[in-house]
Amino acid sequence: MTEFGTAVWRKSVRSNPNNNCVGVLLLPDGGALVRDTKQADQGPVLQFTASEWRVFLAAVRDGEFDNQEQRLAPQRPVRRRQRLWARRLRSPDKSRAGT
């Protein structure tokens, strides 16, 4: 594998401070190198060609690697639930109207 010396590896701005993330080095030809930031210089590095990287990113965007249990669980719109609760809190309890 080629030595990249001072090349800058990138990681998500949403990653946690424990280095529990993935580092990516974009290559001039459109490919990418991917590694675990915890093992930075000692760990394995995955190498993607430009076409493999495009296919991988498309699969990530499409949710192909999402947690299977999360994908199968029924999703309820959070905003709708919040509106329903807000409406219930604002309206008087009709069962107690005569007391």
PDB file of N, CA and C in Angstrom:
ATOM      1  N   MET A   1       0.853  -1.184   0.000  1.00  0.00           N
ATOM      2  CA  MET A   1       0.000   0.000   0.000  1.00  0.00           C
ATOM      3  C   MET A   1       0.893   1.238   0.000  1.00  0.00           C
ATOM      4  N   THR A   2       0.438   2.281  -0.625  1.00  0.00           N
ATOM      5  CA  THR A   2       1.196   3.525  -0.724  1.00  0.00           C
ATOM      6  C   THR A   2       1.239   4.244   0.616  1.00  0.00           C
ATOM      7  N   GLU A   3       2.361   4.868   0.909  1.00  0.00           N
ATOM      8  CA  GLU A   3       2.494   5.672   2.136  1.00  0.00           C
ATOM      9  C   GLU A   3       1.903   7.052   1.864  1.00  0.00           C
ATOM     10  N   PHE A   4       1.051   7.535   2.756  1.00  0.00           N
ATOM     11  CA  PHE A   4       0.390   8.819   2.538  1.00  0.00           C
ATOM     12  C   PHE A   4       0.934   9.928   3.419  1.00  0.00           C
ATOM     13  N   GLY A   5       1.919   9.636   4.235  1.00  0.00           N
ATOM     14  CA  GLY A   5       2.629  10.642   5.029  1.00  0.00           C
ATOM     15  C   GLY A   5       1.755  11.670   5.705  1.00  0.00           C
ATOM     16  N   THR A   6       1.697  12.873   5.145  1.00  0.00           N
ATOM     17  CA  THR A   6       0.988  13.986   5.780  1.00  0.00           C
ATOM     18  C   THR A   6      -0.456  14.123   5.310  1.00  0.00           C
ATOM     19  N   ALA A   7      -0.961  13.120   4.624  1.00  0.00           N
ATOM     20  CA  ALA A   7      -2.347  13.185   4.152  1.00  0.00           C
ATOM     21  C   ALA A   7      -3.290  13.358   5.342  1.00  0.00           C
ATOM     22  N   VAL A   8      -4.380  14.055   5.120  1.00  0.00           N
ATOM     23  CA  VAL A   8      -5.337  14.351   6.196  1.00  0.00           C
ATOM     24  C   VAL A   8      -6.505  13.367   6.149  1.00  0.00           C
ATOM     25  N   TRP A   9      -6.616  12.583   7.203  1.00  0.00           N
ATOM     26  CA  TRP A   9      -7.754  11.681   7.359  1.00  0.00           C
ATOM     27  C   TRP A   9      -8.903  12.483   7.943  1.00  0.00           C
ATOM     28  N   ARG A  10     -10.111  12.226   7.469  1.00  0.00           N
ATOM     29  CA  ARG A  10     -11.292  12.943   7.955  1.00  0.00           C
ATOM     30  C   ARG A  10     -12.166  12.001   8.764  1.00  0.00           C
ATOM     31  N   LYS A  11     -12.886  12.578   9.730  1.00  0.00           N
ATOM     32  CA  LYS A  11     -13.899  11.819  10.462  1.00  0.00           C
ATOM     33  C   LYS A  11     -15.104  12.724  10.662  1.00  0.00           C
ATOM     34  N   SER A  12     -16.223  12.138  10.960  1.00  0.00           N
ATOM     35  CA  SER A  12     -17.464  12.884  11.108  1.00  0.00           C
ATOM     36  C   SER A  12     -17.367  13.916  12.225  1.00  0.00           C
ATOM     37  N   VAL A  13     -17.972  15.062  12.004  1.00  0.00           N
ATOM     38  CA  VAL A  13     -18.021  16.081  13.059  1.00  0.00           C
ATOM     39  C   VAL A  13     -18.966  15.638  14.178  1.00  0.00           C
ATOM     40  N   ARG A  14     -19.783  14.642  13.915  1.00  0.00           N
ATOM     41  CA  ARG A  14     -20.710  14.120  14.924  1.00  0.00           C
ATOM     42  C   ARG A  14     -20.106  12.972  15.732  1.00  0.00           C
ATOM     43  N   SER A  15     -18.856  12.643  15.482  1.00  0.00           N
ATOM     44  CA  SER A  15     -18.242  11.523  16.201  1.00  0.00           C
ATOM     45  C   SER A  15     -17.976  11.904  17.649  1.00  0.00           C
ATOM     46  N   ASN A  16     -17.870  10.886  18.489  1.00  0.00           N
ATOM     47  CA  ASN A  16     -17.670  11.154  19.912  1.00  0.00           C
ATOM     48  C   ASN A  16     -16.187  11.338  20.229  1.00  0.00           C
ATOM     49  N   PRO A  17     -15.853  11.893  21.379  1.00  0.00           N
ATOM     50  CA  PRO A  17     -14.455  12.178  21.715  1.00  0.00           C
ATOM     51  C   PRO A  17     -13.626  10.937  22.049  1.00  0.00           C
ATOM     52  N   ASN A  18     -14.226   9.755  22.092  1.00  0.00           N
ATOM     53  CA  ASN A  18     -13.507   8.529  22.442  1.00  0.00           C
ATOM     54  C   ASN A  18     -12.804   7.883  21.251  1.00  0.00           C
ATOM     55  N   ASN A  19     -12.740   8.570  20.129  1.00  0.00           N
ATOM     56  CA  ASN A  19     -12.155   8.012  18.906  1.00  0.00           C
ATOM     57  C   ASN A  19     -12.860   6.732  18.488  1.00  0.00           C
ATOM     58  N   ASN A  20     -14.139   6.687  18.693  1.00  0.00           N
ATOM     59  CA  ASN A  20     -14.943   5.524  18.361  1.00  0.00           C
ATOM     60  C   ASN A  20     -15.593   5.745  17.003  1.00  0.00           C
ATOM     61  N   CYS A  21     -14.771   5.972  15.984  1.00  0.00           N
ATOM     62  CA  CYS A  21     -15.327   6.344  14.695  1.00  0.00           C
ATOM     63  C   CYS A  21     -14.485   5.804  13.546  1.00  0.00           C
ATOM     64  N   VAL A  22     -14.920   6.148  12.359  1.00  0.00           N
ATOM     65  CA  VAL A  22     -14.267   5.725  11.132  1.00  0.00           C
ATOM     66  C   VAL A  22     -13.561   6.922  10.522  1.00  0.00           C
ATOM     67  N   GLY A  23     -12.325   6.725  10.093  1.00  0.00           N
ATOM     68  CA  GLY A  23     -11.579   7.766   9.397  1.00  0.00           C
ATOM     69  C   GLY A  23     -11.574   7.474   7.909  1.00  0.00           C
ATOM     70  N   VAL A  24     -11.678   8.519   7.100  1.00  0.00           N
ATOM     71  CA  VAL A  24     -11.709   8.366   5.643  1.00  0.00           C
ATOM     72  C   VAL A  24     -10.658   9.273   5.027  1.00  0.00           C
ATOM     73  N   LEU A  25      -9.910   8.724   4.082  1.00  0.00           N
ATOM     74  CA  LEU A  25      -8.945   9.499   3.312  1.00  0.00           C
ATOM     75  C   LEU A  25      -9.375   9.411   1.857  1.00  0.00           C
ATOM     76  N   LEU A  26      -9.801  10.539   1.295  1.00  0.00           N
ATOM     77  CA  LEU A  26     -10.217  10.565  -0.106  1.00  0.00           C
ATOM     78  C   LEU A  26      -8.982  10.637  -0.987  1.00  0.00           C
ATOM     79  N   LEU A  27      -8.935   9.790  -1.997  1.00  0.00           N
ATOM     80  CA  LEU A  27      -7.784   9.709  -2.889  1.00  0.00           C
ATOM     81  C   LEU A  27      -7.992  10.580  -4.121  1.00  0.00           C
ATOM     82  N   PRO A  28      -6.922  11.039  -4.748  1.00  0.00           N
ATOM     83  CA  PRO A  28      -7.039  11.900  -5.930  1.00  0.00           C
ATOM     84  C   PRO A  28      -7.814  11.254  -7.081  1.00  0.00           C
ATOM     85  N   ASP A  29      -7.782   9.918  -7.176  1.00  0.00           N
ATOM     86  CA  ASP A  29      -8.485   9.245  -8.281  1.00  0.00           C
ATOM     87  C   ASP A  29      -9.966   9.005  -7.989  1.00  0.00           C
ATOM     88  N   GLY A  30     -10.474   9.485  -6.835  1.00  0.00           N
ATOM     89  CA  GLY A  30     -11.881   9.312  -6.478  1.00  0.00           C
ATOM     90  C   GLY A  30     -12.130   8.140  -5.552  1.00  0.00           C
ATOM     91  N   GLY A  31     -11.115   7.334  -5.310  1.00  0.00           N
ATOM     92  CA  GLY A  31     -11.242   6.222  -4.378  1.00  0.00           C
ATOM     93  C   GLY A  31     -11.117   6.714  -2.947  1.00  0.00           C
ATOM     94  N   ALA A  32     -11.086   5.789  -2.014  1.00  0.00           N
ATOM     95  CA  ALA A  32     -10.988   6.178  -0.604  1.00  0.00           C
ATOM     96  C   ALA A  32     -10.329   5.070   0.205  1.00  0.00           C
ATOM     97  N   LEU A  33      -9.697   5.480   1.291  1.00  0.00           N
ATOM     98  CA  LEU A  33      -9.178   4.559   2.299  1.00  0.00           C
ATOM     99  C   LEU A  33     -10.011   4.764   3.554  1.00  0.00           C
ATOM    100  N   VAL A  34     -10.343   3.687   4.241  1.00  0.00           N
ATOM    101  CA  VAL A  34     -11.186   3.756   5.435  1.00  0.00           C
ATOM    102  C   VAL A  34     -10.505   2.967   6.548  1.00  0.00           C
ATOM    103  N   ARG A  35     -10.487   3.539   7.755  1.00  0.00           N
ATOM    104  CA  ARG A  35      -9.869   2.862   8.900  1.00  0.00           C
ATOM    105  C   ARG A  35     -10.600   3.219  10.187  1.00  0.00           C
ATOM    106  N   ASP A  36     -10.342   2.431  11.210  1.00  0.00           N
ATOM    107  CA  ASP A  36     -10.867   2.675  12.549  1.00  0.00           C
ATOM    108  C   ASP A  36      -9.934   3.678  13.222  1.00  0.00           C
ATOM    109  N   THR A  37     -10.454   4.780  13.733  1.00  0.00           N
ATOM    110  CA  THR A  37      -9.593   5.812  14.322  1.00  0.00           C
ATOM    111  C   THR A  37      -8.935   5.362  15.623  1.00  0.00           C
ATOM    112  N   LYS A  38      -9.510   4.362  16.293  1.00  0.00           N
ATOM    113  CA  LYS A  38      -8.881   3.857  17.518  1.00  0.00           C
ATOM    114  C   LYS A  38      -7.558   3.164  17.215  1.00  0.00           C
ATOM    115  N   GLN A  39      -7.455   2.579  16.032  1.00  0.00           N
ATOM    116  CA  GLN A  39      -6.259   1.832  15.666  1.00  0.00           C
ATOM    117  C   GLN A  39      -5.451   2.553  14.597  1.00  0.00           C
ATOM    118  N   ALA A  40      -5.697   3.812  14.433  1.00  0.00           N
ATOM    119  CA  ALA A  40      -5.144   4.653  13.372  1.00  0.00           C
ATOM    120  C   ALA A  40      -3.983   4.072  12.571  1.00  0.00           C
ATOM    121  N   ASP A  41      -2.786   4.067  13.112  1.00  0.00           N
ATOM    122  CA  ASP A  41      -1.623   3.649  12.332  1.00  0.00           C
ATOM    123  C   ASP A  41      -1.355   2.150  12.386  1.00  0.00           C
ATOM    124  N   GLN A  42      -1.914   1.451  13.356  1.00  0.00           N
ATOM    125  CA  GLN A  42      -1.622   0.029  13.508  1.00  0.00           C
ATOM    126  C   GLN A  42      -2.674  -0.881  12.880  1.00  0.00           C
ATOM    127  N   GLY A  43      -3.876  -0.393  12.717  1.00  0.00           N
ATOM    128  CA  GLY A  43      -4.981  -1.242  12.282  1.00  0.00           C
ATOM    129  C   GLY A  43      -5.064  -1.419  10.780  1.00  0.00           C
ATOM    130  N   PRO A  44      -5.988  -2.273  10.359  1.00  0.00           N
ATOM    131  CA  PRO A  44      -6.187  -2.505   8.928  1.00  0.00           C
ATOM    132  C   PRO A  44      -6.823  -1.298   8.252  1.00  0.00           C
ATOM    133  N   VAL A  45      -6.614  -1.201   6.953  1.00  0.00           N
ATOM    134  CA  VAL A  45      -7.180  -0.117   6.150  1.00  0.00           C
ATOM    135  C   VAL A  45      -7.928  -0.749   4.983  1.00  0.00           C
ATOM    136  N   LEU A  46      -9.166  -0.329   4.785  1.00  0.00           N
ATOM    137  CA  LEU A  46      -9.938  -0.784   3.626  1.00  0.00           C
ATOM    138  C   LEU A  46      -9.682   0.172   2.478  1.00  0.00           C
ATOM    139  N   GLN A  47      -9.445  -0.360   1.291  1.00  0.00           N
ATOM    140  CA  GLN A  47      -9.202   0.493   0.129  1.00  0.00           C
ATOM    141  C   GLN A  47     -10.329   0.289  -0.877  1.00  0.00           C
ATOM    142  N   PHE A  48     -10.942   1.396  -1.297  1.00  0.00           N
ATOM    143  CA  PHE A  48     -12.030   1.378  -2.267  1.00  0.00           C
ATOM    144  C   PHE A  48     -11.571   2.065  -3.546  1.00  0.00           C
ATOM    145  N   THR A  49     -11.888   1.482  -4.693  1.00  0.00           N
ATOM    146  CA  THR A  49     -11.678   2.195  -5.953  1.00  0.00           C
ATOM    147  C   THR A  49     -12.758   3.268  -6.045  1.00  0.00           C
ATOM    148  N   ALA A  50     -12.649   4.148  -7.032  1.00  0.00           N
ATOM    149  CA  ALA A  50     -13.645   5.222  -7.183  1.00  0.00           C
ATOM    150  C   ALA A  50     -15.050   4.648  -7.377  1.00  0.00           C
ATOM    151  N   SER A  51     -15.188   3.629  -8.216  1.00  0.00           N
ATOM    152  CA  SER A  51     -16.525   3.069  -8.454  1.00  0.00           C
ATOM    153  C   SER A  51     -17.039   2.319  -7.223  1.00  0.00           C
ATOM    154  N   GLU A  52     -16.165   1.600  -6.524  1.00  0.00           N
ATOM    155  CA  GLU A  52     -16.583   0.919  -5.294  1.00  0.00           C
ATOM    156  C   GLU A  52     -17.032   1.927  -4.234  1.00  0.00           C
ATOM    157  N   TRP A  53     -16.335   3.052  -4.127  1.00  0.00           N
ATOM    158  CA  TRP A  53     -16.669   4.084  -3.142  1.00  0.00           C
ATOM    159  C   TRP A  53     -18.035   4.687  -3.444  1.00  0.00           C
ATOM    160  N   ARG A  54     -18.313   4.951  -4.733  1.00  0.00           N
ATOM    161  CA  ARG A  54     -19.628   5.496  -5.118  1.00  0.00           C
ATOM    162  C   ARG A  54     -20.746   4.517  -4.757  1.00  0.00           C
ATOM    163  N   VAL A  55     -20.532   3.232  -5.049  1.00  0.00           N
ATOM    164  CA  VAL A  55     -21.545   2.214  -4.741  1.00  0.00           C
ATOM    165  C   VAL A  55     -21.740   2.102  -3.230  1.00  0.00           C
ATOM    166  N   PHE A  56     -20.648   2.124  -2.479  1.00  0.00           N
ATOM    167  CA  PHE A  56     -20.726   2.049  -1.017  1.00  0.00           C
ATOM    168  C   PHE A  56     -21.509   3.233  -0.452  1.00  0.00           C
ATOM    169  N   LEU A  57     -21.189   4.455  -0.896  1.00  0.00           N
ATOM    170  CA  LEU A  57     -21.899   5.640  -0.399  1.00  0.00           C
ATOM    171  C   LEU A  57     -23.382   5.591  -0.748  1.00  0.00           C
ATOM    172  N   ALA A  58     -23.716   5.115  -1.943  1.00  0.00           N
ATOM    173  CA  ALA A  58     -25.125   4.996  -2.334  1.00  0.00           C
ATOM    174  C   ALA A  58     -25.844   4.005  -1.416  1.00  0.00           C
ATOM    175  N   ALA A  59     -25.180   2.904  -1.074  1.00  0.00           N
ATOM    176  CA  ALA A  59     -25.785   1.908  -0.184  1.00  0.00           C
ATOM    177  C   ALA A  59     -26.002   2.484   1.212  1.00  0.00           C
ATOM    178  N   VAL A  60     -25.050   3.283   1.691  1.00  0.00           N
ATOM    179  CA  VAL A  60     -25.202   3.931   3.000  1.00  0.00           C
ATOM    180  C   VAL A  60     -26.395   4.876   2.970  1.00  0.00           C
ATOM    181  N   ARG A  61     -26.470   5.697   1.921  1.00  0.00           N
ATOM    182  CA  ARG A  61     -27.595   6.647   1.803  1.00  0.00           C
ATOM    183  C   ARG A  61     -28.938   5.935   1.744  1.00  0.00           C
ATOM    184  N   ASP A  62     -28.967   4.753   1.110  1.00  0.00           N
ATOM    185  CA  ASP A  62     -30.217   4.000   0.968  1.00  0.00           C
ATOM    186  C   ASP A  62     -30.586   3.206   2.220  1.00  0.00           C
ATOM    187  N   GLY A  63     -29.740   3.264   3.247  1.00  0.00           N
ATOM    188  CA  GLY A  63     -30.042   2.574   4.495  1.00  0.00           C
ATOM    189  C   GLY A  63     -29.727   1.092   4.489  1.00  0.00           C
ATOM    190  N   GLU A  64     -28.927   0.660   3.527  1.00  0.00           N
ATOM    191  CA  GLU A  64     -28.619  -0.759   3.403  1.00  0.00           C
ATOM    192  C   GLU A  64     -27.888  -1.330   4.621  1.00  0.00           C
ATOM    193  N   PHE A  65     -27.170  -0.492   5.351  1.00  0.00           N
ATOM    194  CA  PHE A  65     -26.399  -0.966   6.500  1.00  0.00           C
ATOM    195  C   PHE A  65     -27.038  -0.582   7.830  1.00  0.00           C
ATOM    196  N   ASP A  66     -28.253  -0.049   7.789  1.00  0.00           N
ATOM    197  CA  ASP A  66     -28.943   0.320   9.023  1.00  0.00           C
ATOM    198  C   ASP A  66     -29.225  -0.934   9.845  1.00  0.00           C
ATOM    199  N   ASN A  67     -29.432  -0.733  11.124  1.00  0.00           N
ATOM    200  CA  ASN A  67     -29.769  -1.827  12.020  1.00  0.00           C
ATOM    201  C   ASN A  67     -31.054  -2.479  11.528  1.00  0.00           C
ATOM    202  N   GLN A  68     -31.007  -3.774  11.258  1.00  0.00           N
ATOM    203  CA  GLN A  68     -32.159  -4.495  10.712  1.00  0.00           C
ATOM    204  C   GLN A  68     -33.378  -4.374  11.618  1.00  0.00           C
ATOM    205  N   GLU A  69     -33.196  -4.462  12.935  1.00  0.00           N
ATOM    206  CA  GLU A  69     -34.327  -4.369  13.860  1.00  0.00           C
ATOM    207  C   GLU A  69     -34.971  -2.993  13.795  1.00  0.00           C
ATOM    208  N   GLN A  70     -34.160  -1.948  13.645  1.00  0.00           N
ATOM    209  CA  GLN A  70     -34.718  -0.600  13.541  1.00  0.00           C
ATOM    210  C   GLN A  70     -35.528  -0.459  12.266  1.00  0.00           C
ATOM    211  N   ARG A  71     -35.039  -1.039  11.175  1.00  0.00           N
ATOM    212  CA  ARG A  71     -35.748  -0.906   9.903  1.00  0.00           C
ATOM    213  C   ARG A  71     -37.077  -1.629   9.931  1.00  0.00           C
ATOM    214  N   LEU A  72     -37.156  -2.745  10.663  1.00  0.00           N
ATOM    215  CA  LEU A  72     -38.385  -3.527  10.699  1.00  0.00           C
ATOM    216  C   LEU A  72     -39.395  -2.999  11.704  1.00  0.00           C
ATOM    217  N   ALA A  73     -38.945  -2.234  12.684  1.00  0.00           N
ATOM    218  CA  ALA A  73     -39.851  -1.699  13.700  1.00  0.00           C
ATOM    219  C   ALA A  73     -40.751  -0.636  13.079  1.00  0.00           C
ATOM    220  N   PRO A  74     -42.035  -0.656  13.419  1.00  0.00           N
ATOM    221  CA  PRO A  74     -42.925   0.377  12.874  1.00  0.00           C
ATOM    222  C   PRO A  74     -42.513   1.756  13.388  1.00  0.00           C
ATOM    223  N   GLN A  75     -42.462   2.688  12.496  1.00  0.00           N
ATOM    224  CA  GLN A  75     -42.060   4.045  12.854  1.00  0.00           C
ATOM    225  C   GLN A  75     -43.290   4.943  12.905  1.00  0.00           C
ATOM    226  N   ARG A  76     -43.453   5.633  13.996  1.00  0.00           N
ATOM    227  CA  ARG A  76     -44.548   6.600  14.111  1.00  0.00           C
ATOM    228  C   ARG A  76     -43.961   7.994  13.988  1.00  0.00           C
ATOM    229  N   PRO A  77     -44.633   8.845  13.271  1.00  0.00           N
ATOM    230  CA  PRO A  77     -44.124  10.213  13.163  1.00  0.00           C
ATOM    231  C   PRO A  77     -44.122  10.898  14.523  1.00  0.00           C
ATOM    232  N   VAL A  78     -42.983  11.371  14.945  1.00  0.00           N
ATOM    233  CA  VAL A  78     -42.837  12.001  16.256  1.00  0.00           C
ATOM    234  C   VAL A  78     -43.662  13.269  16.340  1.00  0.00           C
ATOM    235  N   ARG A  79     -43.635  14.088  15.311  1.00  0.00           N
ATOM    236  CA  ARG A  79     -44.376  15.358  15.360  1.00  0.00           C
ATOM    237  C   ARG A  79     -45.869  15.128  15.539  1.00  0.00           C
ATOM    238  N   ARG A  80     -46.407  14.131  14.861  1.00  0.00           N
ATOM    239  CA  ARG A  80     -47.836  13.861  14.990  1.00  0.00           C
ATOM    240  C   ARG A  80     -48.167  13.474  16.428  1.00  0.00           C
ATOM    241  N   ARG A  81     -47.336  12.612  17.027  1.00  0.00           N
ATOM    242  CA  ARG A  81     -47.555  12.218  18.424  1.00  0.00           C
ATOM    243  C   ARG A  81     -47.501  13.424  19.341  1.00  0.00           C
ATOM    244  N   GLN A  82     -46.540  14.306  19.108  1.00  0.00           N
ATOM    245  CA  GLN A  82     -46.410  15.495  19.948  1.00  0.00           C
ATOM    246  C   GLN A  82     -47.635  16.390  19.806  1.00  0.00           C
ATOM    247  N   ARG A  83     -48.144  16.537  18.592  1.00  0.00           N
ATOM    248  CA  ARG A  83     -49.338  17.377  18.389  1.00  0.00           C
ATOM    249  C   ARG A  83     -50.540  16.779  19.104  1.00  0.00           C
ATOM    250  N   LEU A  84     -50.686  15.441  19.030  1.00  0.00           N
ATOM    251  CA  LEU A  84     -51.813  14.798  19.695  1.00  0.00           C
ATOM    252  C   LEU A  84     -51.753  15.007  21.202  1.00  0.00           C
ATOM    253  N   TRP A  85     -50.584  14.848  21.797  1.00  0.00           N
ATOM    254  CA  TRP A  85     -50.445  15.067  23.232  1.00  0.00           C
ATOM    255  C   TRP A  85     -50.699  16.523  23.594  1.00  0.00           C
ATOM    256  N   ALA A  86     -50.219  17.438  22.788  1.00  0.00           N
ATOM    257  CA  ALA A  86     -50.441  18.856  23.063  1.00  0.00           C
ATOM    258  C   ALA A  86     -51.933  19.168  23.014  1.00  0.00           C
ATOM    259  N   ARG A  87     -52.646  18.595  22.051  1.00  0.00           N
ATOM    260  CA  ARG A  87     -54.081  18.820  21.933  1.00  0.00           C
ATOM    261  C   ARG A  87     -54.809  18.259  23.153  1.00  0.00           C
ATOM    262  N   ARG A  88     -54.409  17.078  23.599  1.00  0.00           N
ATOM    263  CA  ARG A  88     -55.044  16.467  24.768  1.00  0.00           C
ATOM    264  C   ARG A  88     -54.802  17.295  26.024  1.00  0.00           C
ATOM    265  N   LEU A  89     -53.634  17.851  26.145  1.00  0.00           N
ATOM    266  CA  LEU A  89     -53.324  18.656  27.326  1.00  0.00           C
ATOM    267  C   LEU A  89     -54.105  19.967  27.335  1.00  0.00           C
ATOM    268  N   ARG A  90     -54.359  20.519  26.147  1.00  0.00           N
ATOM    269  CA  ARG A  90     -55.077  21.799  26.072  1.00  0.00           C
ATOM    270  C   ARG A  90     -56.577  21.643  26.264  1.00  0.00           C
ATOM    271  N   SER A  91     -57.142  20.531  25.798  1.00  0.00           N
ATOM    272  CA  SER A  91     -58.600  20.388  25.877  1.00  0.00           C
ATOM    273  C   SER A  91     -59.009  19.910  27.274  1.00  0.00           C
ATOM    274  N   PRO A  92     -60.113  20.453  27.798  1.00  0.00           N
ATOM    275  CA  PRO A  92     -60.574  20.045  29.132  1.00  0.00           C
ATOM    276  C   PRO A  92     -61.058  18.599  29.109  1.00  0.00           C
ATOM    277  N   ASP A  93     -60.950  17.949  30.227  1.00  0.00           N
ATOM    278  CA  ASP A  93     -61.395  16.563  30.355  1.00  0.00           C
ATOM    279  C   ASP A  93     -62.920  16.560  30.387  1.00  0.00           C
ATOM    280  N   LYS A  94     -63.559  16.067  29.324  1.00  0.00           N
ATOM    281  CA  LYS A  94     -65.016  16.114  29.197  1.00  0.00           C
ATOM    282  C   LYS A  94     -65.712  15.180  30.177  1.00  0.00           C
ATOM    283  N   SER A  95     -65.026  14.156  30.634  1.00  0.00           N
ATOM    284  CA  SER A  95     -65.666  13.233  31.579  1.00  0.00           C
ATOM    285  C   SER A  95     -65.851  13.886  32.946  1.00  0.00           C
ATOM    286  N   ARG A  96     -65.105  14.942  33.238  1.00  0.00           N
ATOM    287  CA  ARG A  96     -65.207  15.616  34.539  1.00  0.00           C
ATOM    288  C   ARG A  96     -65.994  16.928  34.429  1.00  0.00           C
ATOM    289  N   ALA A  97     -66.577  17.210  33.289  1.00  0.00           N
ATOM    290  CA  ALA A  97     -67.234  18.497  33.062  1.00  0.00           C
ATOM    291  C   ALA A  97     -68.380  18.747  34.039  1.00  0.00           C
ATOM    292  N   GLY A  98     -69.113  17.719  34.458  1.00  0.00           N
ATOM    293  CA  GLY A  98     -70.263  17.922  35.326  1.00  0.00           C
ATOM    294  C   GLY A  98     -69.934  17.951  36.807  1.00  0.00           C
ATOM    295  N   THR A  99     -68.679  17.784  37.183  1.00  0.00           N
ATOM    296  CA  THR A  99     -68.372  17.729  38.620  1.00  0.00           C
ATOM    297  C   THR A  99     -68.052  19.070  39.194  1.00  0.00           C
TER     298      THR A  99
END
